[in-house]
């Protein structure tokens, strides 16, 4: 399953969001879940973020959801967002040179 999540954080909280994300990615590097691909992008240097997640099965049960660092990040989003996360399920139509 592939999902796209988009959200916007308050301008004064962008650095906090980035620091929390770095903790998640450090934790993922140590845990190395096999059935997960997880990318996060900051859009045009703004407070808007886009996450692309690919995992097997139900995205709610994806391996990163069990990480304490991810749970801290999700908890912080409810306080620091001006636009709460929206989830879009993606159906691949085609791709070129994607890993």
Protein backbone atom coordinates (compact mmCIF):
# COMPACT_ATOMS: atom_id res chain seq x y z
CA UNK A 1 0.00 0.00 0.00
CA UNK A 2 1.24 3.48 -0.85
CA UNK A 3 0.06 6.62 0.83
CA UNK A 4 0.86 10.31 0.61
CA UNK A 5 0.49 12.49 3.68
CA UNK A 6 0.56 16.25 3.47
CA UNK A 7 0.56 18.75 6.34
CA UNK A 8 1.76 22.23 7.28
CA UNK A 9 3.40 23.29 10.52
CA UNK A 10 3.57 26.75 12.06
CA UNK A 11 6.55 28.75 10.72
CA UNK A 12 8.10 29.03 14.18
CA UNK A 13 7.84 25.24 14.66
CA UNK A 14 9.45 24.07 11.39
CA UNK A 15 12.83 23.38 13.01
CA UNK A 16 11.15 21.36 15.76
CA UNK A 17 9.34 19.32 13.13
CA UNK A 18 12.57 18.67 11.22
CA UNK A 19 14.40 17.65 14.42
CA UNK A 20 11.62 15.21 15.33
CA UNK A 21 11.72 13.77 11.81
CA UNK A 22 15.49 13.30 12.03
CA UNK A 23 14.93 11.26 15.20
CA UNK A 24 12.42 9.07 13.35
CA UNK A 25 14.84 8.47 10.49
CA UNK A 26 17.69 7.68 12.88
CA UNK A 27 15.43 5.15 14.60
CA UNK A 28 14.45 3.65 11.23
CA UNK A 29 18.13 3.27 10.32
CA UNK A 30 18.68 1.25 13.50
CA UNK A 31 15.45 -0.79 13.25
CA UNK A 32 15.66 -1.34 9.46
CA UNK A 33 12.08 -2.55 8.88
CA UNK A 34 12.11 -4.54 5.64
CA UNK A 35 8.55 -3.90 4.53
CA UNK A 36 8.74 -0.10 4.66
CA UNK A 37 9.77 2.71 2.37
CA UNK A 38 9.34 6.13 3.94
CA UNK A 39 10.34 9.50 2.46
CA UNK A 40 9.57 12.99 3.76
CA UNK A 41 10.00 16.22 1.82
CA UNK A 42 9.78 19.87 2.85
CA UNK A 43 8.03 21.81 0.09
CA UNK A 44 9.77 24.92 -1.28
CA UNK A 45 11.49 25.66 2.04
CA UNK A 46 8.10 26.32 3.63
CA UNK A 47 6.34 24.76 6.58
CA UNK A 48 4.55 22.32 4.28
CA UNK A 49 5.65 18.70 4.29
CA UNK A 50 4.88 15.69 2.12
CA UNK A 51 5.49 12.10 3.21
CA UNK A 52 5.40 9.12 0.84
CA UNK A 53 5.01 5.79 2.57
CA UNK A 54 4.99 2.33 1.07
CA UNK A 55 4.40 -0.74 3.21
CA UNK A 56 2.85 -4.15 3.02
CA UNK A 57 -0.74 -4.50 4.15
CA UNK A 58 -2.68 -1.95 6.16
CA UNK A 59 -0.83 1.41 6.29
CA UNK A 60 -2.09 1.95 9.84
CA UNK A 61 -0.09 -1.14 10.87
CA UNK A 62 3.10 -0.02 9.05
CA UNK A 63 6.28 -0.73 11.05
CA UNK A 64 7.17 2.91 11.71
CA UNK A 65 3.97 3.37 13.72
CA UNK A 66 5.47 1.19 16.47
CA UNK A 67 8.56 3.39 16.90
CA UNK A 68 8.61 5.61 19.98
CA UNK A 69 10.23 8.40 17.92
CA UNK A 70 7.37 8.30 15.40
CA UNK A 71 4.77 8.34 18.17
CA UNK A 72 6.43 11.46 19.64
CA UNK A 73 6.40 13.05 16.19
CA UNK A 74 2.72 12.27 15.61
CA UNK A 75 1.81 13.62 19.05
CA UNK A 76 3.67 16.87 18.34
CA UNK A 77 1.91 17.36 15.00
CA UNK A 78 -1.44 17.87 16.69
CA UNK A 79 0.07 20.91 18.45
CA UNK A 80 2.35 22.39 15.79
CA UNK A 81 0.28 22.07 12.61
CA UNK A 82 -1.71 24.80 10.95
CA UNK A 83 -2.95 22.20 8.46
CA UNK A 84 -3.42 18.76 9.99
CA UNK A 85 -2.13 15.70 8.09
CA UNK A 86 -4.31 14.48 5.24
CA UNK A 87 -3.84 10.98 3.88
CA UNK A 88 -4.24 10.10 0.20
CA UNK A 89 -4.06 6.49 -0.96
CA UNK A 90 -2.01 6.11 -4.14
CA UNK A 91 -2.58 3.65 -6.97
CA UNK A 92 0.45 3.39 -9.27
CA UNK A 93 -0.27 4.00 -12.93
CA UNK A 94 3.33 3.89 -14.12
CA UNK A 95 6.85 4.70 -13.07
CA UNK A 96 10.25 5.27 -14.53
CA UNK A 97 13.44 4.38 -12.66
CA UNK A 98 11.86 4.31 -9.23
CA UNK A 99 13.54 2.07 -6.70
